[in-house]
Amino acid sequence: MSDTQPDAPSLYAAREPIFPKRVSGNFRNLKWIIMLVTLGIYYVTPWIRWDRGPNLPDQAVLIDLANRRFFFFWIEIWPHEFYFIAGLLVMAGLGLFLFTSALGRVWCGYTCPQTVWTDLFILVERWIEGDRNARLRLHRQPKMDLRKARLRLTKWTTWLLIALATGGAWVFYFADAPTLLVDLFTLNAGPIAYTTVAILTATTFVFGGFAREQICIYACPWPRIQAAMMDEDTLTVGYRAWRGEPRGKHRKAEGAQELGDCIDCMACVNVCPMGIDIRDGQQMECITCALCIDACDDVMDRIGKPRGLIDYMALTDEVAERTGTPPKSVWKHVFRPRTILYTALWSLVGVGLVVALFIRSDIDMSVAPVRNPTFVTLSDGTIRNTYDVRLRNMQGEDLPFAISVVGHPSLTIELEGSTDGTVLVPADETLLQRVYITAPPGSEPAQSERSDIRIWVEDATNDERVYKDTVFNGRAN
């Protein structure tokens, strides 16, 4: 008896490239519009100018890492105001939950960067190599002849240019765009700029050109989370099997009257960028791009059948239509307790951010008592505490700030380098000011171990004030 055993079957299958067929229709046109808008915003935004005065950058949207600030048109966010960014991230998450619970994976199908750039790369591929059948023939051609090499080189070069523009546009958000552009071409930009451009160029080229649906299926976690956001009233792309089955191509053959509306033309499969068959039911791979709806509606028009064999629908619609009951209206699917709750939470966070934006002060301060030593006894018995007060001027002009202390009438304050109790803080900068607070001998703060005090900072030009509470350390009896 032989000791050899047959090789175990492989658990992995090589990726079969997907070549989506060109389709036209309402959803395809909507995707074109969204692509143009999103790519336009991404590429154009760093070049928009916004005059903030002589001391501030004039780029409308700028993430100024060097000075630790974020500029968005008239809004300026400082590091201590990171809660604005956190709030926007919370709103983005709630918005994703809202749209998924109402309309399925519309983010994935229309506005996800992976979808947008993949659509663009497929468009370029179609322009250069032809539609689905032509690309399939080219792919299956075993020999690399001159024509195939020319088409592939042209396609890859165009993809690389798009990817390079993508990486280049990203770094423009972190520095003055015109200046950085010149520096990049004259090789005067920093290594981090070239590294970032190279990484984003490579990832865009690979993800949009080659990985495509693999990123959505294996790299992105959202397909595995979306089920928790959806229920039987969620509108998503589906196939009306009760109308389409049994499917069949031969409409004039015997028994054709028993067939459903689906003629098994595979149009819905051929246009799918994920390579799935929507007639098999809901699948994790489906990004609800709705191109299968356009393809199927076009076929239904040509064979004289009603549109909507593949359509946006909910599971409750299936039950209703099978029994002949009119399905719910679209608005009843969209506005239900879950979506209303998400909308309310989203609005609450948004209103909170707007209110916080308008009530925030243009000056800010922090107080750090010097702990070593906690206090000093002067020659006349006076107790002195030292504090480091960080002043932040968030306006576009130099401002004089007056610093005072309250907590006990006997306390006096002195500013290092100032004789009149004020200090000039440069525009849009922070200043660390050393402050001395003293209590005369025999006074209550001098004889108490700890006394609560409040340090005030006032803008001398408009009387705007802020304060911080701290403690005064005295000599305990």
Protein backbone atom coordinates (compact mmCIF):
# COMPACT_ATOMS: atom_id res chain seq x y z
CA MET A 1 0.00 0.00 0.00
CA SER A 2 1.36 3.43 -0.95
CA ASP A 3 2.20 5.92 1.78
CA THR A 4 1.58 8.86 -0.51
CA GLN A 5 -1.60 10.85 0.00
CA PRO A 6 -3.37 13.04 -2.56
CA ASP A 7 -2.69 16.72 -2.28
CA ALA A 8 -5.28 18.56 -0.20
CA PRO A 9 -7.45 20.97 -2.19
CA SER A 10 -6.43 24.61 -1.96
CA LEU A 11 -8.55 26.75 0.31
CA TYR A 12 -7.68 29.87 -1.66
CA ALA A 13 -8.69 30.94 -5.14
CA ALA A 14 -6.86 33.38 -7.34
CA ARG A 15 -8.67 36.67 -7.90
CA GLU A 16 -10.58 36.83 -11.14
CA PRO A 17 -10.49 40.44 -12.42
CA ILE A 18 -13.86 42.14 -12.83
CA PHE A 19 -14.56 44.16 -15.96
CA PRO A 20 -17.83 46.07 -15.42
CA LYS A 21 -19.84 46.85 -18.54
CA ARG A 22 -20.75 50.43 -19.37
CA VAL A 23 -24.28 51.35 -18.33
CA SER A 24 -26.38 54.49 -18.50
CA GLY A 25 -29.30 55.57 -16.40
CA ASN A 26 -30.37 57.75 -13.48
CA PHE A 27 -28.13 56.13 -10.88
CA ARG A 28 -25.11 56.09 -13.16
CA ASN A 29 -25.65 59.79 -13.89
CA LEU A 30 -25.95 60.46 -10.16
CA LYS A 31 -22.64 58.70 -9.58
CA TRP A 32 -20.98 60.79 -12.30
CA ILE A 33 -22.24 63.99 -10.66
CA ILE A 34 -21.06 62.90 -7.20
CA MET A 35 -17.68 61.93 -8.64
CA LEU A 36 -17.21 65.34 -10.27
CA VAL A 37 -18.30 67.19 -7.12
CA THR A 38 -16.19 65.18 -4.66
CA LEU A 39 -13.06 65.13 -6.82
CA GLY A 40 -13.52 68.83 -7.58
CA ILE A 41 -13.73 69.65 -3.87
CA TYR A 42 -10.69 67.51 -3.11
CA TYR A 43 -8.43 68.92 -5.82
CA VAL A 44 -9.57 72.57 -5.78
CA THR A 45 -10.02 73.33 -2.07
CA PRO A 46 -6.30 73.87 -1.22
CA TRP A 47 -6.10 76.59 -3.87
CA ILE A 48 -8.96 78.70 -2.51
CA ARG A 49 -7.71 81.89 -0.84
CA TRP A 50 -9.20 83.55 2.25
CA ASP A 51 -7.93 86.88 3.58
CA ARG A 52 -7.39 86.71 7.35
CA GLY A 53 -5.09 89.69 7.71
CA PRO A 54 -1.33 90.25 7.48
CA ASN A 55 -0.32 87.87 10.26
CA LEU A 56 -2.25 84.79 9.17
CA PRO A 57 -2.12 82.40 6.19
CA ASP A 58 -4.51 83.17 3.34
CA GLN A 59 -5.27 79.54 2.42
CA ALA A 60 -8.97 78.87 3.02
CA VAL A 61 -8.48 75.33 4.35
CA LEU A 62 -5.16 74.64 6.03
CA ILE A 63 -3.96 72.15 8.62
CA ASP A 64 -1.01 74.11 10.03
CA LEU A 65 0.89 71.43 11.94
CA ALA A 66 3.91 73.67 12.54
CA ASN A 67 1.80 76.20 14.47
CA ARG A 68 -0.69 73.59 15.67
CA ARG A 69 -3.78 75.20 14.19
CA PHE A 70 -6.53 74.30 11.74
CA PHE A 71 -8.01 76.96 9.45
CA PHE A 72 -11.35 76.52 7.72
CA PHE A 73 -12.36 79.72 5.96
CA TRP A 74 -13.29 82.12 8.81
CA ILE A 75 -12.93 79.46 11.53
CA GLU A 76 -9.65 78.90 13.35
CA ILE A 77 -9.27 75.86 15.61
CA TRP A 78 -6.51 75.74 18.22
CA PRO A 79 -5.14 72.58 19.89
CA HIS A 80 -7.11 73.19 23.10
CA GLU A 81 -10.27 73.25 20.96
CA PHE A 82 -9.86 69.73 19.64
CA TYR A 83 -13.38 69.01 20.86
CA PHE A 84 -14.58 70.65 17.63
CA ILE A 85 -12.76 67.98 15.59
CA ALA A 86 -14.04 65.26 17.92
CA GLY A 87 -17.57 66.60 17.49
CA LEU A 88 -17.26 66.53 13.71
CA LEU A 89 -16.05 62.93 13.85
CA VAL A 90 -19.03 62.02 16.04
CA MET A 91 -21.34 63.72 13.52
CA ALA A 92 -19.70 61.79 10.69
CA GLY A 93 -20.26 58.51 12.53
CA LEU A 94 -23.89 59.33 13.33
CA GLY A 95 -24.43 60.42 9.72
CA LEU A 96 -23.06 57.11 8.50
CA PHE A 97 -25.39 55.25 10.87
CA LEU A 98 -28.33 57.39 9.73
CA PHE A 99 -27.85 56.90 5.99
CA THR A 100 -27.08 53.19 6.37
CA SER A 101 -30.18 52.54 8.44
CA ALA A 102 -32.30 54.46 5.93
CA LEU A 103 -30.78 53.56 2.55
CA GLY A 104 -28.20 50.83 3.10
CA ARG A 105 -24.61 51.31 2.02
CA VAL A 106 -25.13 54.53 0.06
CA TRP A 107 -21.85 55.87 1.44
CA CYS A 108 -20.01 52.90 -0.03
CA GLY A 109 -21.84 53.07 -3.35
CA TYR A 110 -21.56 56.79 -4.03
CA THR A 111 -19.11 58.80 -1.91
CA CYS A 112 -16.50 56.47 -0.42
CA PRO A 113 -13.04 57.52 -1.76
CA GLN A 114 -12.34 53.92 -2.76
CA THR A 115 -15.52 53.89 -4.87
CA VAL A 116 -14.92 57.32 -6.40
CA TRP A 117 -11.33 56.65 -7.47
CA THR A 118 -12.16 53.11 -8.64
CA ASP A 119 -14.93 54.55 -10.82
CA LEU A 120 -12.44 57.03 -12.25
CA PHE A 121 -9.87 54.32 -12.94
CA ILE A 122 -12.49 52.09 -14.61
CA LEU A 123 -13.54 55.05 -16.76
CA VAL A 124 -9.94 55.52 -17.90
CA GLU A 125 -9.62 51.78 -18.52
CA ARG A 126 -12.77 51.80 -20.64
CA TRP A 127 -11.60 54.79 -22.68
CA ILE A 128 -8.28 53.15 -23.47
CA GLU A 129 -9.06 49.43 -23.76
CA GLY A 130 -12.74 49.46 -24.67
CA ASP A 131 -15.88 48.17 -22.99
CA ARG A 132 -16.30 44.91 -21.10
CA ASN A 133 -15.96 42.46 -24.00
CA ALA A 134 -12.89 44.18 -25.41
CA ARG A 135 -11.22 44.24 -22.00
CA LEU A 136 -12.04 40.59 -21.43
CA ARG A 137 -10.48 39.61 -24.76
CA LEU A 138 -7.39 41.65 -23.98
CA HIS A 139 -7.11 40.06 -20.52
CA ARG A 140 -7.45 36.52 -21.89
CA GLN A 141 -4.96 37.13 -24.65
CA PRO A 142 -1.95 35.04 -23.60
CA LYS A 143 0.61 36.78 -25.76
CA MET A 144 1.91 40.23 -24.89
CA ASP A 145 2.02 41.77 -28.37
CA LEU A 146 2.77 45.37 -29.25
CA ARG A 147 -0.89 46.45 -29.10
CA LYS A 148 -1.52 44.96 -25.66
CA ALA A 149 1.72 46.45 -24.31
CA ARG A 150 0.79 49.87 -25.71
CA LEU A 151 -2.70 49.80 -24.21
CA ARG A 152 -1.48 48.60 -20.83
CA LEU A 153 1.33 51.14 -20.69
CA THR A 154 -1.05 53.96 -21.63
CA LYS A 155 -3.57 52.89 -19.01
CA TRP A 156 -1.03 52.46 -16.23
CA THR A 157 0.61 55.79 -17.04
CA THR A 158 -2.75 57.58 -16.85
CA TRP A 159 -3.55 55.83 -13.58
CA LEU A 160 -0.18 56.84 -12.19
CA LEU A 161 -0.75 60.49 -13.12
CA ILE A 162 -4.16 60.45 -11.40
CA ALA A 163 -2.61 58.79 -8.34
CA LEU A 164 0.20 61.34 -8.30
CA ALA A 165 -2.32 64.19 -8.44
CA THR A 166 -4.19 62.54 -5.56
CA GLY A 167 -1.13 62.32 -3.33
CA GLY A 168 -0.02 65.80 -4.36
CA ALA A 169 -3.40 67.33 -3.55
CA TRP A 170 -3.34 65.82 -0.06
CA VAL A 171 -0.07 67.46 1.02
CA PHE A 172 -1.36 70.85 -0.16
CA TYR A 173 -3.77 70.82 2.77
CA PHE A 174 -0.81 70.98 5.19
CA ALA A 175 1.17 73.88 3.69
CA ASP A 176 0.66 76.89 1.47
CA ALA A 177 -0.31 75.21 -1.81
CA PRO A 178 1.39 77.54 -4.36
CA THR A 179 4.61 77.63 -2.36
CA LEU A 180 4.67 73.88 -1.80
CA LEU A 181 3.98 73.19 -5.47
CA VAL A 182 7.07 75.17 -6.48
CA ASP A 183 9.11 73.48 -3.76
CA LEU A 184 8.04 70.04 -4.94
CA PHE A 185 9.09 70.69 -8.52
CA THR A 186 12.34 72.41 -7.56
CA LEU A 187 13.19 69.60 -5.08
CA ASN A 188 13.17 72.03 -2.16
CA ALA A 189 10.27 70.45 -0.25
CA GLY A 190 10.88 68.47 2.91
CA PRO A 191 11.36 64.68 2.88
CA ILE A 192 8.01 64.18 4.63
CA ALA A 193 6.22 65.85 1.70
CA TYR A 194 7.82 63.55 -0.88
CA THR A 195 7.26 60.51 1.33
CA THR A 196 3.57 61.34 1.80
CA VAL A 197 3.06 61.92 -1.92
CA ALA A 198 4.82 58.64 -2.74
CA ILE A 199 2.76 56.60 -0.26
CA LEU A 200 -0.57 58.07 -1.36
CA THR A 201 0.36 57.72 -5.02
CA ALA A 202 1.23 54.05 -4.55
CA THR A 203 -1.89 53.23 -2.52
CA THR A 204 -4.22 55.05 -4.92
CA PHE A 205 -2.59 53.35 -7.92
CA VAL A 206 -2.86 49.87 -6.38
CA PHE A 207 -6.22 50.22 -4.62
CA GLY A 208 -8.05 51.93 -7.47
CA GLY A 209 -6.36 50.13 -10.33
CA PHE A 210 -5.81 46.57 -9.17
CA ALA A 211 -7.31 45.77 -5.75
CA ARG A 212 -10.65 47.50 -6.33
CA GLU A 213 -13.42 45.31 -4.89
CA GLN A 214 -10.89 43.44 -2.74
CA ILE A 215 -10.48 46.54 -0.56
CA CYS A 216 -14.24 46.70 0.01
CA ILE A 217 -14.58 42.99 0.74
CA TYR A 218 -11.48 42.24 2.81
CA ALA A 219 -9.86 45.49 4.01
CA CYS A 220 -12.90 47.59 4.93
CA PRO A 221 -14.68 46.68 8.19
CA TRP A 222 -17.94 48.41 7.29
CA PRO A 223 -19.52 45.48 5.35
CA ARG A 224 -19.35 43.45 8.55
CA ILE A 225 -20.82 46.24 10.68
CA GLN A 226 -23.60 47.41 8.39
CA ALA A 227 -26.00 44.61 9.40
CA ALA A 228 -26.30 46.16 12.85
CA MET A 229 -27.45 49.43 11.28
CA MET A 230 -30.07 47.88 9.00
CA ASP A 231 -33.46 46.30 9.64
CA GLU A 232 -36.42 45.04 7.62
CA ASP A 233 -37.48 48.62 6.77
CA THR A 234 -34.11 49.70 5.35
CA LEU A 235 -34.30 50.59 1.67
CA THR A 236 -31.57 48.80 -0.24
CA VAL A 237 -31.03 47.34 -3.70
CA GLY A 238 -32.93 44.08 -4.13
CA TYR A 239 -34.36 41.70 -6.72
CA ARG A 240 -38.10 41.01 -6.92
CA ALA A 241 -37.79 37.25 -7.16
CA TRP A 242 -41.56 36.76 -6.93
CA ARG A 243 -41.86 38.68 -10.17
CA GLY A 244 -38.72 37.55 -11.98
CA GLU A 245 -38.73 33.80 -11.26
CA PRO A 246 -38.61 31.36 -12.85
CA ARG A 247 -36.19 33.10 -15.17
CA GLY A 248 -35.59 32.03 -18.74
CA LYS A 249 -34.26 33.26 -22.09
CA HIS A 250 -36.62 31.54 -24.54
CA ARG A 251 -39.77 33.57 -24.57
CA LYS A 252 -41.33 31.83 -27.57
CA ALA A 253 -40.68 28.27 -26.49
CA GLU A 254 -43.30 25.99 -25.01
CA GLY A 255 -44.11 26.93 -21.43
CA ALA A 256 -42.77 30.49 -21.82
CA GLN A 257 -45.97 31.82 -20.27
CA GLU A 258 -44.88 30.28 -16.99
CA LEU A 259 -41.62 32.25 -16.91
CA GLY A 260 -41.08 35.38 -14.84
CA ASP A 261 -39.93 38.75 -16.12
CA CYS A 262 -36.20 37.97 -15.74
CA ILE A 263 -34.78 36.81 -19.07
CA ASP A 264 -31.45 35.80 -17.49
CA CYS A 265 -29.54 38.24 -19.71
CA MET A 266 -26.85 38.74 -17.01
CA ALA A 267 -26.93 42.52 -17.56
CA CYS A 268 -27.13 43.13 -13.81
CA VAL A 269 -24.07 40.93 -13.23
CA ASN A 270 -22.04 42.40 -16.08
CA VAL A 271 -22.33 45.98 -14.80
CA CYS A 272 -21.64 45.16 -11.13
CA PRO A 273 -18.26 46.52 -9.97
CA MET A 274 -18.23 43.89 -7.22
CA GLY A 275 -18.89 40.99 -9.58
CA ILE A 276 -21.92 39.65 -7.69
CA ASP A 277 -25.38 38.56 -8.80
CA ILE A 278 -27.99 40.63 -6.99
CA ARG A 279 -30.56 37.95 -7.81
CA ASP A 280 -28.91 35.72 -5.20
CA GLY A 281 -30.21 38.04 -2.46
CA GLN A 282 -28.51 40.45 -0.09
CA GLN A 283 -24.74 39.94 0.06
CA MET A 284 -21.96 41.44 2.10
CA GLU A 285 -20.14 42.45 -1.10
CA CYS A 286 -23.00 44.63 -2.40
CA ILE A 287 -22.22 48.35 -2.09
CA THR A 288 -25.70 49.40 -3.30
CA CYS A 289 -24.29 51.45 -6.19
CA ALA A 290 -27.59 50.70 -8.02
CA LEU A 291 -25.94 50.21 -11.43
CA CYS A 292 -27.79 46.89 -11.66
CA ILE A 293 -31.05 48.87 -11.44
CA ASP A 294 -30.09 50.95 -14.46
CA ALA A 295 -29.05 47.85 -16.42
CA CYS A 296 -32.22 45.91 -15.58
CA ASP A 297 -34.53 48.88 -16.27
CA ASP A 298 -32.95 49.25 -19.69
CA VAL A 299 -33.63 45.58 -20.46
CA MET A 300 -37.21 45.82 -19.18
CA ASP A 301 -37.81 48.80 -21.46
CA ARG A 302 -36.55 46.85 -24.46
CA ILE A 303 -38.71 43.78 -23.82
CA GLY A 304 -41.80 45.75 -22.87
CA LYS A 305 -41.90 44.85 -19.17
CA PRO A 306 -42.43 47.21 -16.22
CA ARG A 307 -39.34 48.70 -14.62
CA GLY A 308 -38.36 47.85 -11.06
CA LEU A 309 -37.51 44.16 -11.30
CA ILE A 310 -34.33 45.27 -9.49
CA ASP A 311 -34.93 48.31 -7.35
CA TYR A 312 -34.48 50.01 -4.00
CA MET A 313 -36.81 48.16 -1.66
CA ALA A 314 -37.19 46.89 1.91
CA LEU A 315 -37.82 43.39 3.21
CA THR A 316 -41.28 44.48 4.38
CA ASP A 317 -42.05 45.44 0.77
CA GLU A 318 -41.38 41.86 -0.32
CA VAL A 319 -43.94 40.47 2.12
CA ALA A 320 -46.50 43.08 1.10
CA GLU A 321 -46.02 42.64 -2.65
CA ARG A 322 -46.16 38.86 -2.46
CA THR A 323 -49.57 39.11 -0.78
CA GLY A 324 -50.80 41.87 -3.05
CA THR A 325 -50.78 44.50 -0.31
CA PRO A 326 -49.53 47.99 -1.28
CA PRO A 327 -46.04 48.52 0.21
CA LYS A 328 -45.17 51.38 2.52
CA SER A 329 -44.28 54.73 1.02
CA VAL A 330 -40.63 55.68 0.76
CA TRP A 331 -41.01 58.30 3.47
CA LYS A 332 -42.38 55.77 5.95
CA HIS A 333 -39.29 53.66 5.35
CA VAL A 334 -36.97 56.63 5.78
CA PHE A 335 -38.65 58.27 8.77
CA ARG A 336 -38.98 55.68 11.48
CA PRO A 337 -37.88 55.61 15.15
CA ARG A 338 -34.30 54.50 14.45
CA THR A 339 -33.58 57.14 11.80
CA ILE A 340 -35.37 59.83 13.79
CA LEU A 341 -33.16 59.01 16.80
CA TYR A 342 -29.99 59.19 14.69
CA THR A 343 -31.16 62.48 13.18
CA ALA A 344 -31.90 63.95 16.61
CA LEU A 345 -28.48 62.92 17.96
CA TRP A 346 -26.73 64.21 14.85
CA SER A 347 -28.57 67.54 15.09
CA LEU A 348 -27.89 67.82 18.81
CA VAL A 349 -24.13 67.45 18.30
CA GLY A 350 -24.20 69.89 15.38
CA VAL A 351 -26.13 72.54 17.31
CA GLY A 352 -23.78 72.09 20.25
CA LEU A 353 -20.74 72.69 18.04
CA VAL A 354 -22.28 75.80 16.47
CA VAL A 355 -23.17 77.23 19.88
CA ALA A 356 -19.68 76.47 21.21
CA LEU A 357 -18.17 78.13 18.15
CA PHE A 358 -20.08 81.36 18.64
CA ILE A 359 -19.69 81.66 22.40
CA ARG A 360 -15.98 80.84 22.57
CA SER A 361 -13.69 83.61 23.71
CA ASP A 362 -10.96 85.11 21.53
CA ILE A 363 -8.59 84.99 24.48
CA ASP A 364 -7.62 81.99 26.55
CA MET A 365 -5.31 81.24 29.43
CA SER A 366 -3.91 78.46 31.57
CA VAL A 367 -2.28 78.72 34.99
CA ALA A 368 0.48 76.46 36.31
CA PRO A 369 1.70 77.16 39.88
CA VAL A 370 5.46 76.74 40.30
CA ARG A 371 5.81 73.90 42.81
CA ASN A 372 9.49 74.04 43.62
CA PRO A 373 9.29 75.75 46.03
CA THR A 374 5.57 76.13 46.66
CA PHE A 375 6.17 79.55 48.25
CA VAL A 376 9.00 81.88 49.18
CA THR A 377 9.30 83.93 52.37
CA LEU A 378 10.83 87.34 51.68
CA SER A 379 13.03 89.26 54.12
CA ASP A 380 10.10 91.28 55.51
CA GLY A 381 7.99 88.12 56.07
CA THR A 382 5.91 88.50 52.90
CA ILE A 383 4.81 85.19 51.35
CA ARG A 384 5.23 85.00 47.57
CA ASN A 385 3.86 82.39 45.14
CA THR A 386 5.01 82.07 41.56
CA TYR A 387 2.79 81.10 38.61
CA ASP A 388 3.34 80.50 34.93
CA VAL A 389 0.37 81.96 33.05
CA ARG A 390 0.08 80.99 29.39
CA LEU A 391 -1.85 83.66 27.46
CA ARG A 392 -3.38 82.90 24.09
CA ASN A 393 -4.42 85.68 21.69
CA MET A 394 -6.70 84.21 19.01
CA GLN A 395 -7.19 87.47 17.14
CA GLY A 396 -5.29 88.82 14.16
CA GLU A 397 -3.77 91.81 15.97
CA ASP A 398 -1.46 92.36 18.94
CA LEU A 399 -3.47 92.87 22.14
CA PRO A 400 -2.62 94.18 25.63
CA PHE A 401 -3.79 91.81 28.37
CA ALA A 402 -4.25 92.99 31.96
CA ILE A 403 -3.74 90.37 34.69
CA SER A 404 -5.28 90.68 38.15
CA VAL A 405 -6.02 88.48 41.16
CA VAL A 406 -9.02 88.19 43.47
CA GLY A 407 -9.57 86.05 46.53
CA HIS A 408 -8.42 88.32 49.37
CA PRO A 409 -7.94 92.12 49.50
CA SER A 410 -4.41 91.79 50.84
CA LEU A 411 -3.09 89.92 47.77
CA THR A 412 -0.99 91.84 45.26
CA ILE A 413 0.19 90.78 41.81
CA GLU A 414 3.36 91.56 39.86
CA LEU A 415 4.19 90.63 36.26
CA GLU A 416 7.73 89.83 35.32
CA GLY A 417 8.93 92.44 32.81
CA SER A 418 5.88 94.69 33.27
CA THR A 419 5.37 97.75 35.44
CA ASP A 420 1.71 98.51 34.74
CA GLY A 421 0.11 95.07 35.15
CA THR A 422 -0.38 94.50 31.43
CA VAL A 423 1.46 92.42 28.84
CA LEU A 424 1.32 92.63 25.04
CA VAL A 425 0.47 89.29 23.40
CA PRO A 426 1.33 89.03 19.68
CA ALA A 427 -1.45 88.30 17.19
CA ASP A 428 -2.48 84.66 16.92
CA GLU A 429 0.22 83.50 19.30
CA THR A 430 0.69 82.29 22.86
CA LEU A 431 2.88 83.94 25.47
CA LEU A 432 4.21 82.42 28.69
CA GLN A 433 4.15 85.06 31.42
CA ARG A 434 5.75 84.64 34.87
CA VAL A 435 3.45 86.05 37.56
CA TYR A 436 4.21 86.72 41.27
CA ILE A 437 1.41 86.95 43.86
CA THR A 438 2.28 88.09 47.37
CA ALA A 439 0.54 88.20 50.74
CA PRO A 440 1.78 90.52 53.53
CA PRO A 441 2.91 88.96 56.82
CA GLY A 442 0.06 88.29 59.23
CA SER A 443 -2.60 88.29 56.51
CA GLU A 444 -5.04 85.40 56.20
CA PRO A 445 -3.53 83.99 52.93
CA ALA A 446 -0.02 84.16 54.42
CA GLN A 447 -1.06 82.22 57.51
CA SER A 448 -3.28 79.66 55.75
CA GLU A 449 -1.85 76.52 54.17
CA ARG A 450 -4.00 76.91 51.04
CA SER A 451 -6.26 79.74 49.93
CA ASP A 452 -8.50 79.68 46.86
CA ILE A 453 -7.78 82.53 44.45
CA ARG A 454 -8.86 83.49 40.95
CA ILE A 455 -6.56 84.99 38.31
CA TRP A 456 -8.29 87.20 35.74
CA VAL A 457 -7.04 88.14 32.28
CA GLU A 458 -8.76 91.03 30.51
CA ASP A 459 -8.41 92.28 26.95
CA ALA A 460 -7.76 95.96 27.52
CA THR A 461 -9.22 96.89 24.11
CA ASN A 462 -12.71 95.42 24.47
CA ASP A 463 -13.06 94.34 28.14
CA GLU A 464 -13.39 90.66 27.26
CA ARG A 465 -12.35 88.60 30.29
CA VAL A 466 -11.43 85.03 31.19
CA TYR A 467 -10.27 83.49 34.47
CA LYS A 468 -8.73 80.43 36.04
CA ASP A 469 -9.06 79.27 39.63
CA THR A 470 -5.96 78.18 41.50
CA VAL A 471 -4.58 78.20 45.06
CA PHE A 472 -2.21 80.40 47.07
CA ASN A 473 0.14 78.50 49.36
CA GLY A 474 0.91 80.13 52.73
CA ARG A 475 2.79 79.26 55.92
CA ALA A 476 0.49 77.10 58.05
CA ASN A 477 0.38 78.02 61.76
